[in-house]
Amino acid sequence: MSQSKKEMMNRALSAMTINIGKNGINENVIDEIKRQLDSNEIVKLKFAKNIARDKDKFIDDIVSQTRAKLIDVRGHVAVIYKKKP
């Protein structure tokens, strides 16, 4: 694991977690993720078990709509990062 990825994962331990429920993502969820990325740079996304099989599609959609970078996926949790402007 590269040094910067290690640092990111250490920061992710205390990052804001956004729960993605059975309804998946919508404009409000994307807006909240953008707000959290603007203030914290790193956000954890926790997917409900009943939508976890579709999480890769949701992650792709979130990353593209927020212009964030996917750092890690473990189980039902994804970590994304976007540098502050």
Foldseek 3Di string as FASTA:
>chain_A
DDPVLVVLVVLAVPAAEDEAEPVGDDPVSLVVVLVSCQVRQKYKYAYDPVCQVVVVVSVVVSCVSNVWAWSDDDRRMTMTGDDHD
